[in-house]
Amino acid sequence: MSGAFERGERAGERTAVPALPVIAGRWLSLAAAPSFALMAAVTAGGSAGDMICSAQDSSMLGGMVPMYLLMSLFHGGPWLRLFAGERADSRMSG
């Protein structure tokens, strides 16, 4: 999909891409990092459910909080692009 879409966009052709799924995808990509950060904060506040996933005397690095923080970092790319002021289609036209 992306190869044909990029070629059509570069040539100045208008491709039939629905606007709603594109907009929804951009908002959804921005929702992932804060969601994981919120889940890390909630899990760190009440870690009674963390006992299911790890042993009682285990390291802090083995629980759900570090996993949620890492997921939040991995999904931070759309936020970095937003803060940098880069448009989503400008990186494809270069």
Protein backbone atom coordinates (compact mmCIF):
# COMPACT_ATOMS: atom_id res chain seq x y z
CA MET A 1 0.00 0.00 0.00
CA SER A 2 2.67 2.52 0.95
CA GLY A 3 4.73 2.17 -2.24
CA ALA A 4 1.82 2.93 -4.57
CA PHE A 5 0.55 5.63 -2.23
CA GLU A 6 3.95 7.35 -2.07
CA ARG A 7 4.44 7.25 -5.86
CA GLY A 8 0.99 8.72 -6.43
CA GLU A 9 1.61 11.42 -3.85
CA ARG A 10 4.97 12.41 -5.38
CA ALA A 11 3.52 12.62 -8.87
CA GLY A 12 0.83 15.00 -7.66
CA GLU A 13 -1.97 12.51 -8.19
CA ARG A 14 -4.81 12.32 -5.75
CA THR A 15 -5.25 8.87 -4.30
CA ALA A 16 -8.51 7.63 -2.87
CA VAL A 17 -7.56 7.32 0.80
CA PRO A 18 -10.35 7.90 3.30
CA ALA A 19 -9.55 10.78 5.62
CA LEU A 20 -11.17 9.31 8.74
CA PRO A 21 -8.95 6.19 9.05
CA VAL A 22 -5.81 8.27 8.50
CA ILE A 23 -6.81 10.81 11.15
CA ALA A 24 -7.89 8.06 13.55
CA GLY A 25 -4.56 6.28 13.05
CA ARG A 26 -2.62 9.43 13.90
CA TRP A 27 -4.64 9.98 17.08
CA LEU A 28 -4.30 6.33 18.03
CA SER A 29 -0.52 6.46 17.63
CA LEU A 30 -0.45 9.44 20.01
CA ALA A 31 -2.62 7.63 22.57
CA ALA A 32 -0.29 4.66 23.14
CA ALA A 33 2.57 6.32 25.09
CA PRO A 34 0.41 8.19 27.63
CA SER A 35 -1.73 5.08 28.13
CA PHE A 36 1.30 2.96 29.01
CA ALA A 37 2.67 5.73 31.28
CA LEU A 38 -0.67 5.89 33.09
CA MET A 39 -0.73 2.10 33.47
CA ALA A 40 2.81 2.24 34.93
CA ALA A 41 1.74 4.89 37.45
CA VAL A 42 -1.38 2.95 38.48
CA THR A 43 0.57 -0.29 38.78
CA ALA A 44 3.34 1.38 40.82
CA GLY A 45 0.78 2.91 43.18
CA GLY A 46 -0.98 -0.31 44.06
CA SER A 47 1.36 -3.20 43.36
CA ALA A 48 -0.87 -5.92 44.85
CA GLY A 49 -1.64 -7.23 41.36
CA ASP A 50 2.08 -7.37 40.58
CA MET A 51 2.42 -10.39 42.84
CA ILE A 52 0.68 -12.51 40.22
CA CYS A 53 3.42 -11.85 37.66
CA SER A 54 6.55 -12.12 39.80
CA ALA A 55 7.91 -13.83 42.87
CA GLN A 56 7.67 -12.03 46.19
CA ASP A 57 11.40 -11.33 46.69
CA SER A 58 12.22 -10.48 43.09
CA SER A 59 13.95 -7.45 41.63
CA MET A 60 12.11 -4.23 40.78
CA LEU A 61 13.22 -4.73 37.18
CA GLY A 62 11.12 -7.87 36.83
CA GLY A 63 7.67 -6.43 37.42
CA MET A 64 5.02 -4.80 35.30
CA VAL A 65 6.06 -1.19 36.01
CA PRO A 66 9.36 -1.39 34.06
CA MET A 67 7.55 -3.18 31.22
CA TYR A 68 4.94 -0.39 31.00
CA LEU A 69 7.66 2.28 31.11
CA LEU A 70 9.57 0.57 28.30
CA MET A 71 6.41 0.28 26.22
CA SER A 72 5.78 3.97 26.80
CA LEU A 73 9.29 4.75 25.56
CA PHE A 74 8.93 2.52 22.51
CA HIS A 75 5.67 4.24 21.56
CA GLY A 76 7.12 7.75 22.02
CA GLY A 77 8.08 8.20 18.35
CA PRO A 78 4.84 9.93 17.26
CA TRP A 79 5.22 12.38 20.17
CA LEU A 80 8.80 13.17 19.17
CA ARG A 81 7.67 13.82 15.59
CA LEU A 82 4.86 16.03 16.89
CA PHE A 83 7.22 18.06 19.09
CA ALA A 84 9.74 18.35 16.26
CA GLY A 85 7.04 19.85 14.06
CA GLU A 86 7.44 17.21 11.37
CA ARG A 87 4.40 16.47 9.30
CA ALA A 88 3.53 12.80 8.82
CA ASP A 89 3.79 12.98 5.02
CA SER A 90 6.94 15.13 4.85
CA ARG A 91 9.27 12.24 5.72
CA MET A 92 7.92 10.22 2.78
CA SER A 93 8.48 12.89 0.16
CA GLY A 94 12.20 13.40 0.86
